[in-house]
């Protein structure tokens, strides 16, 4: 199955795995991406072709809260099995449950203030199953 997430949280995949004063922001961005991968990975094996991309658009166009232009990260991935995140009639219901209240590192390159610094489905993160 193929899935897509949209978020107002900076989940840039910087591949920065070492902490130092010079790369603090890049390391924090990578930690947020790792949080996303680990959260999805609790239920599925994830494969992806490209890292998250960022667009500037209105969050409301992506199932997020907000009407002002903002940075929005978009990430697509696949799983080896079908309907792993389906809960009742909601194809991404388990993703919403899994991400609810998961903390992230704020104040990176987000264009809005995110407080509290936790993922909130349909507010600062949303999901789609792509058929």
N, C-alpha and C. Protein backbone atom coordinates (compact mmCIF):
# COMPACT_ATOMS: atom_id res chain seq x y z
N UNK A 1 0.84 -1.18 0.00
CA UNK A 1 0.00 0.00 0.00
C UNK A 1 0.88 1.24 0.00
N UNK A 2 0.34 2.30 -0.48
CA UNK A 2 1.04 3.56 -0.64
C UNK A 2 0.35 4.61 0.22
N UNK A 3 1.13 5.36 1.00
CA UNK A 3 0.59 6.36 1.91
C UNK A 3 1.33 7.68 1.76
N UNK A 4 0.68 8.73 2.24
CA UNK A 4 1.27 10.06 2.20
C UNK A 4 0.90 10.78 3.49
N UNK A 5 1.87 11.52 4.04
CA UNK A 5 1.56 12.37 5.18
C UNK A 5 1.92 13.80 4.85
N UNK A 6 1.21 14.70 5.52
CA UNK A 6 1.43 16.14 5.40
C UNK A 6 1.61 16.66 6.82
N UNK A 7 2.60 17.51 7.03
CA UNK A 7 2.80 18.03 8.38
C UNK A 7 3.37 19.44 8.35
N UNK A 8 3.07 20.18 9.39
CA UNK A 8 3.62 21.52 9.60
C UNK A 8 4.93 21.45 10.38
N UNK A 9 5.33 20.25 10.78
CA UNK A 9 6.55 20.01 11.56
C UNK A 9 7.70 19.76 10.60
N UNK A 10 8.84 20.35 10.88
CA UNK A 10 10.03 20.16 10.05
C UNK A 10 10.55 18.73 10.23
N UNK A 11 10.33 17.90 9.20
CA UNK A 11 10.80 16.51 9.22
C UNK A 11 11.83 16.29 8.10
N UNK A 12 12.64 17.30 7.83
CA UNK A 12 13.66 17.21 6.80
C UNK A 12 14.63 16.07 7.12
N UNK A 13 14.88 15.24 6.12
CA UNK A 13 15.80 14.11 6.28
C UNK A 13 17.21 14.60 5.95
N UNK A 14 17.91 15.11 6.95
CA UNK A 14 19.25 15.70 6.74
C UNK A 14 20.37 14.67 6.76
N UNK A 15 20.08 13.48 7.28
CA UNK A 15 21.09 12.43 7.46
C UNK A 15 22.22 12.88 8.39
N UNK A 16 21.87 13.77 9.30
CA UNK A 16 22.83 14.24 10.30
C UNK A 16 22.60 13.44 11.58
N UNK A 17 23.57 12.59 11.91
CA UNK A 17 23.40 11.67 13.03
C UNK A 17 24.30 12.00 14.22
N UNK A 18 25.10 13.04 14.11
CA UNK A 18 26.02 13.38 15.19
C UNK A 18 25.66 14.76 15.75
N UNK A 19 25.73 14.89 17.05
CA UNK A 19 25.44 16.16 17.71
C UNK A 19 26.69 17.01 17.79
N UNK A 20 26.53 18.28 17.46
CA UNK A 20 27.57 19.27 17.70
C UNK A 20 26.90 20.64 17.63
N UNK A 21 27.57 21.64 18.12
CA UNK A 21 27.00 22.99 18.13
C UNK A 21 26.75 23.48 16.70
N UNK A 22 27.58 23.07 15.76
CA UNK A 22 27.47 23.55 14.38
C UNK A 22 26.29 22.94 13.63
N UNK A 23 25.87 21.75 14.01
CA UNK A 23 24.81 21.07 13.25
C UNK A 23 23.56 20.78 14.08
N UNK A 24 23.33 21.58 15.10
CA UNK A 24 22.21 21.33 16.01
C UNK A 24 20.87 21.30 15.27
N UNK A 25 20.64 22.28 14.37
CA UNK A 25 19.35 22.31 13.66
C UNK A 25 19.20 21.09 12.75
N UNK A 26 20.23 20.77 11.97
CA UNK A 26 20.16 19.62 11.08
C UNK A 26 19.96 18.33 11.86
N UNK A 27 20.60 18.22 13.01
CA UNK A 27 20.42 17.02 13.85
C UNK A 27 18.98 16.94 14.36
N UNK A 28 18.42 18.06 14.77
CA UNK A 28 17.03 18.08 15.26
C UNK A 28 16.05 17.74 14.15
N UNK A 29 16.30 18.24 12.95
CA UNK A 29 15.44 17.89 11.81
C UNK A 29 15.48 16.39 11.57
N UNK A 30 16.66 15.81 11.60
CA UNK A 30 16.80 14.37 11.40
C UNK A 30 16.10 13.60 12.51
N UNK A 31 16.19 14.08 13.74
CA UNK A 31 15.51 13.41 14.85
C UNK A 31 13.99 13.42 14.64
N UNK A 32 13.44 14.51 14.11
CA UNK A 32 12.00 14.54 13.82
C UNK A 32 11.66 13.54 12.72
N UNK A 33 12.48 13.46 11.68
CA UNK A 33 12.24 12.46 10.63
C UNK A 33 12.32 11.05 11.21
N UNK A 34 13.32 10.81 12.05
CA UNK A 34 13.45 9.50 12.68
C UNK A 34 12.22 9.17 13.53
N UNK A 35 11.69 10.15 14.22
CA UNK A 35 10.47 9.94 15.02
C UNK A 35 9.33 9.50 14.13
N UNK A 36 9.17 10.14 12.97
CA UNK A 36 8.11 9.75 12.03
C UNK A 36 8.33 8.31 11.57
N UNK A 37 9.54 7.97 11.18
CA UNK A 37 9.83 6.62 10.68
C UNK A 37 9.62 5.57 11.77
N UNK A 38 10.04 5.86 12.98
CA UNK A 38 9.89 4.90 14.07
C UNK A 38 8.43 4.72 14.47
N UNK A 39 7.66 5.80 14.41
CA UNK A 39 6.25 5.70 14.76
C UNK A 39 5.51 4.86 13.73
N UNK A 40 5.74 5.12 12.44
CA UNK A 40 5.12 4.30 11.39
C UNK A 40 5.63 2.86 11.51
N UNK A 41 6.91 2.71 11.80
CA UNK A 41 7.54 1.40 11.87
C UNK A 41 7.05 0.52 13.00
N UNK A 42 6.33 1.08 13.95
CA UNK A 42 5.77 0.24 15.01
C UNK A 42 4.72 -0.72 14.45
N UNK A 43 4.16 -0.39 13.29
CA UNK A 43 3.10 -1.23 12.72
C UNK A 43 3.47 -1.80 11.35
N UNK A 44 4.48 -1.25 10.69
CA UNK A 44 4.76 -1.67 9.32
C UNK A 44 6.23 -1.52 8.98
N UNK A 45 6.66 -2.29 8.00
CA UNK A 45 7.97 -2.09 7.39
C UNK A 45 7.79 -1.03 6.31
N UNK A 46 8.62 0.00 6.36
CA UNK A 46 8.46 1.16 5.50
C UNK A 46 9.52 1.17 4.41
N UNK A 47 9.11 1.47 3.20
CA UNK A 47 10.05 1.76 2.12
C UNK A 47 9.63 3.09 1.50
N UNK A 48 10.63 3.83 1.04
CA UNK A 48 10.34 5.11 0.37
C UNK A 48 11.42 5.39 -0.66
N UNK A 49 11.04 6.17 -1.68
CA UNK A 49 11.95 6.48 -2.76
C UNK A 49 12.68 7.80 -2.58
N UNK A 50 12.01 8.75 -1.92
CA UNK A 50 12.64 10.06 -1.74
C UNK A 50 12.27 10.61 -0.37
N UNK A 51 13.12 11.48 0.15
CA UNK A 51 12.85 12.06 1.47
C UNK A 51 11.68 13.04 1.41
N UNK A 52 11.23 13.51 2.56
CA UNK A 52 10.15 14.48 2.56
C UNK A 52 10.52 15.73 1.75
N UNK A 53 9.52 16.29 1.11
CA UNK A 53 9.69 17.56 0.39
C UNK A 53 8.88 18.61 1.13
N UNK A 54 9.21 19.86 0.90
CA UNK A 54 8.49 20.95 1.55
C UNK A 54 7.89 21.86 0.48
N UNK A 55 6.64 22.24 0.71
CA UNK A 55 5.94 23.19 -0.17
C UNK A 55 5.43 24.33 0.70
N UNK A 56 5.13 25.43 0.07
CA UNK A 56 4.50 26.55 0.77
C UNK A 56 3.07 26.64 0.25
N UNK A 57 2.12 26.46 1.15
CA UNK A 57 0.71 26.44 0.77
C UNK A 57 -0.13 26.68 2.02
N UNK A 58 -1.43 26.69 1.84
CA UNK A 58 -2.35 26.84 2.96
C UNK A 58 -2.57 25.48 3.61
N UNK A 59 -2.35 25.36 4.91
CA UNK A 59 -2.51 24.07 5.59
C UNK A 59 -3.88 23.44 5.38
N UNK A 60 -4.92 24.25 5.31
CA UNK A 60 -6.26 23.72 5.12
C UNK A 60 -6.42 22.88 3.87
N UNK A 61 -5.56 23.11 2.88
CA UNK A 61 -5.60 22.32 1.65
C UNK A 61 -5.09 20.90 1.84
N UNK A 62 -4.52 20.62 3.01
CA UNK A 62 -3.92 19.31 3.29
C UNK A 62 -4.52 18.65 4.54
N UNK A 63 -5.67 19.11 4.95
CA UNK A 63 -6.30 18.53 6.13
C UNK A 63 -5.69 18.99 7.44
N UNK A 64 -4.97 20.12 7.40
CA UNK A 64 -4.32 20.68 8.58
C UNK A 64 -5.01 21.96 8.98
N UNK A 65 -4.74 22.44 10.18
CA UNK A 65 -5.36 23.67 10.66
C UNK A 65 -4.53 24.87 10.23
N UNK A 66 -5.19 25.86 9.64
CA UNK A 66 -4.53 27.10 9.25
C UNK A 66 -4.94 27.54 7.86
N UNK A 67 -4.96 28.85 7.69
CA UNK A 67 -5.33 29.40 6.38
C UNK A 67 -4.25 30.31 5.81
N UNK A 68 -3.19 30.57 6.57
CA UNK A 68 -2.08 31.38 6.08
C UNK A 68 -1.05 30.48 5.39
N UNK A 69 -0.33 31.04 4.43
CA UNK A 69 0.72 30.28 3.77
C UNK A 69 1.74 29.79 4.80
N UNK A 70 2.08 28.52 4.72
CA UNK A 70 2.98 27.88 5.68
C UNK A 70 3.85 26.84 4.98
N UNK A 71 4.97 26.50 5.60
CA UNK A 71 5.77 25.37 5.12
C UNK A 71 5.02 24.09 5.47
N UNK A 72 4.89 23.22 4.49
CA UNK A 72 4.23 21.93 4.69
C UNK A 72 5.14 20.84 4.14
N UNK A 73 5.50 19.89 5.00
CA UNK A 73 6.33 18.77 4.59
C UNK A 73 5.43 17.65 4.11
N UNK A 74 5.81 17.04 2.99
CA UNK A 74 5.04 15.95 2.39
C UNK A 74 5.96 14.75 2.28
N UNK A 75 5.48 13.61 2.77
CA UNK A 75 6.28 12.39 2.74
C UNK A 75 5.43 11.23 2.27
N UNK A 76 5.93 10.50 1.28
CA UNK A 76 5.24 9.32 0.75
C UNK A 76 6.03 8.07 1.08
N UNK A 77 5.32 7.01 1.42
CA UNK A 77 5.96 5.73 1.70
C UNK A 77 5.03 4.59 1.35
N UNK A 78 5.61 3.39 1.33
CA UNK A 78 4.85 2.18 1.03
C UNK A 78 5.05 1.16 2.15
N UNK A 79 4.10 0.25 2.24
CA UNK A 79 4.22 -0.88 3.16
C UNK A 79 4.05 -2.17 2.37
N UNK A 80 4.52 -3.26 2.95
CA UNK A 80 4.49 -4.54 2.24
C UNK A 80 3.12 -5.21 2.30
N UNK A 81 2.29 -4.81 3.25
CA UNK A 81 0.97 -5.43 3.40
C UNK A 81 -0.12 -4.38 3.24
N UNK A 82 -1.28 -4.84 2.85
CA UNK A 82 -2.40 -3.94 2.61
C UNK A 82 -3.16 -3.63 3.90
N UNK A 83 -3.65 -2.44 3.97
CA UNK A 83 -4.58 -1.97 5.01
C UNK A 83 -4.05 -2.12 6.44
N UNK A 84 -2.75 -1.94 6.62
CA UNK A 84 -2.16 -2.04 7.96
C UNK A 84 -2.62 -0.95 8.91
N UNK A 85 -3.06 0.18 8.36
CA UNK A 85 -3.43 1.32 9.19
C UNK A 85 -4.94 1.54 9.22
N UNK A 86 -5.71 0.62 8.64
CA UNK A 86 -7.16 0.76 8.59
C UNK A 86 -7.76 0.47 9.95
N UNK A 87 -8.64 1.37 10.37
CA UNK A 87 -9.36 1.20 11.63
C UNK A 87 -10.82 1.50 11.34
N UNK A 88 -11.65 0.48 11.31
CA UNK A 88 -13.04 0.67 10.92
C UNK A 88 -13.13 1.10 9.47
N UNK A 89 -13.81 2.20 9.23
CA UNK A 89 -13.96 2.73 7.87
C UNK A 89 -12.84 3.70 7.49
N UNK A 90 -11.94 3.99 8.40
CA UNK A 90 -10.88 4.97 8.17
C UNK A 90 -9.60 4.26 7.75
N UNK A 91 -9.18 4.46 6.49
CA UNK A 91 -7.99 3.80 5.95
C UNK A 91 -6.70 4.18 6.67
N UNK A 92 -6.69 5.32 7.36
CA UNK A 92 -5.50 5.76 8.07
C UNK A 92 -5.77 5.96 9.57
N UNK A 93 -6.81 5.32 10.06
CA UNK A 93 -7.22 5.49 11.46
C UNK A 93 -6.14 5.13 12.46
N UNK A 94 -5.41 4.04 12.21
CA UNK A 94 -4.36 3.66 13.16
C UNK A 94 -3.18 4.63 13.10
N UNK A 95 -2.89 5.22 11.94
CA UNK A 95 -1.84 6.23 11.87
C UNK A 95 -2.20 7.42 12.77
N UNK A 96 -3.45 7.84 12.71
CA UNK A 96 -3.89 8.95 13.55
C UNK A 96 -3.72 8.61 15.03
N UNK A 97 -4.10 7.41 15.40
CA UNK A 97 -3.95 6.99 16.80
C UNK A 97 -2.48 6.91 17.20
N UNK A 98 -1.65 6.35 16.34
CA UNK A 98 -0.25 6.17 16.66
C UNK A 98 0.48 7.50 16.83
N UNK A 99 0.15 8.49 16.01
CA UNK A 99 0.85 9.78 16.05
C UNK A 99 0.28 10.73 17.10
N UNK A 100 -0.90 10.49 17.58
CA UNK A 100 -1.52 11.41 18.53
C UNK A 100 -0.65 11.57 19.78
N UNK A 101 -0.22 12.79 20.04
CA UNK A 101 0.55 13.19 21.22
C UNK A 101 2.02 12.77 21.19
N UNK A 102 2.54 12.32 20.05
CA UNK A 102 3.96 12.00 19.94
C UNK A 102 4.74 13.32 19.90
N UNK A 103 5.74 13.48 20.76
CA UNK A 103 6.50 14.74 20.79
C UNK A 103 7.45 14.88 19.61
N UNK A 104 7.76 16.14 19.28
CA UNK A 104 8.75 16.45 18.25
C UNK A 104 9.57 17.65 18.71
N UNK A 105 10.63 17.93 17.99
CA UNK A 105 11.49 19.08 18.30
C UNK A 105 10.97 20.27 17.49
N UNK A 106 10.53 21.34 18.16
CA UNK A 106 9.97 22.49 17.45
C UNK A 106 11.02 23.56 17.14
N UNK A 107 10.54 24.63 16.50
CA UNK A 107 11.34 25.84 16.24
C UNK A 107 12.55 25.58 15.36
N UNK A 108 12.33 24.83 14.28
CA UNK A 108 13.40 24.57 13.31
C UNK A 108 13.16 25.49 12.12
N UNK A 109 12.62 24.97 11.02
CA UNK A 109 12.31 25.85 9.89
C UNK A 109 10.81 25.93 9.64
N UNK A 110 10.01 25.58 10.65
CA UNK A 110 8.57 25.73 10.53
C UNK A 110 8.25 27.22 10.36
N UNK A 111 7.19 27.48 9.63
CA UNK A 111 6.81 28.88 9.40
C UNK A 111 5.75 29.36 10.38
N UNK A 112 5.32 28.47 11.30
CA UNK A 112 4.36 28.84 12.33
C UNK A 112 4.86 28.28 13.66
N UNK A 113 4.32 28.82 14.74
CA UNK A 113 4.66 28.32 16.07
C UNK A 113 3.78 27.12 16.39
N UNK A 114 4.39 26.03 16.79
CA UNK A 114 3.67 24.81 17.13
C UNK A 114 3.83 24.56 18.63
N UNK A 115 2.78 24.87 19.38
CA UNK A 115 2.82 24.70 20.82
C UNK A 115 1.48 24.13 21.28
N UNK A 116 1.46 22.99 21.93
CA UNK A 116 2.61 22.23 22.42
C UNK A 116 3.31 21.47 21.29
N UNK A 117 4.53 21.04 21.54
CA UNK A 117 5.35 20.36 20.53
C UNK A 117 5.02 18.88 20.49
N UNK A 118 3.78 18.59 20.09
CA UNK A 118 3.33 17.20 19.94
C UNK A 118 2.54 17.10 18.64
N UNK A 119 2.62 15.93 17.99
CA UNK A 119 1.82 15.71 16.80
C UNK A 119 0.35 15.60 17.20
N UNK A 120 -0.48 16.32 16.46
CA UNK A 120 -1.92 16.29 16.67
C UNK A 120 -2.57 16.04 15.31
N UNK A 121 -3.06 14.81 15.07
CA UNK A 121 -3.67 14.50 13.77
C UNK A 121 -4.80 15.47 13.43
N UNK A 122 -4.83 15.83 12.16
CA UNK A 122 -5.79 16.76 11.59
C UNK A 122 -5.60 18.19 12.10
N UNK A 123 -4.49 18.44 12.78
CA UNK A 123 -4.12 19.80 13.17
C UNK A 123 -2.76 20.15 12.60
N UNK A 124 -1.72 19.35 12.98
CA UNK A 124 -0.39 19.62 12.44
C UNK A 124 0.19 18.43 11.67
N UNK A 125 -0.60 17.36 11.55
CA UNK A 125 -0.21 16.22 10.70
C UNK A 125 -1.49 15.55 10.19
N UNK A 126 -1.45 15.14 8.93
CA UNK A 126 -2.60 14.41 8.35
C UNK A 126 -2.07 13.33 7.41
N UNK A 127 -2.94 12.40 7.06
CA UNK A 127 -2.53 11.21 6.31
C UNK A 127 -3.52 10.91 5.21
N UNK A 128 -3.01 10.30 4.12
CA UNK A 128 -3.84 9.79 3.03
C UNK A 128 -3.32 8.43 2.62
N UNK A 129 -4.24 7.54 2.26
CA UNK A 129 -3.87 6.31 1.60
C UNK A 129 -4.04 6.56 0.11
N UNK A 130 -3.04 6.22 -0.67
CA UNK A 130 -3.09 6.43 -2.11
C UNK A 130 -3.39 5.09 -2.76
N UNK A 131 -4.44 5.05 -3.53
CA UNK A 131 -4.86 3.78 -4.15
C UNK A 131 -4.15 3.58 -5.47
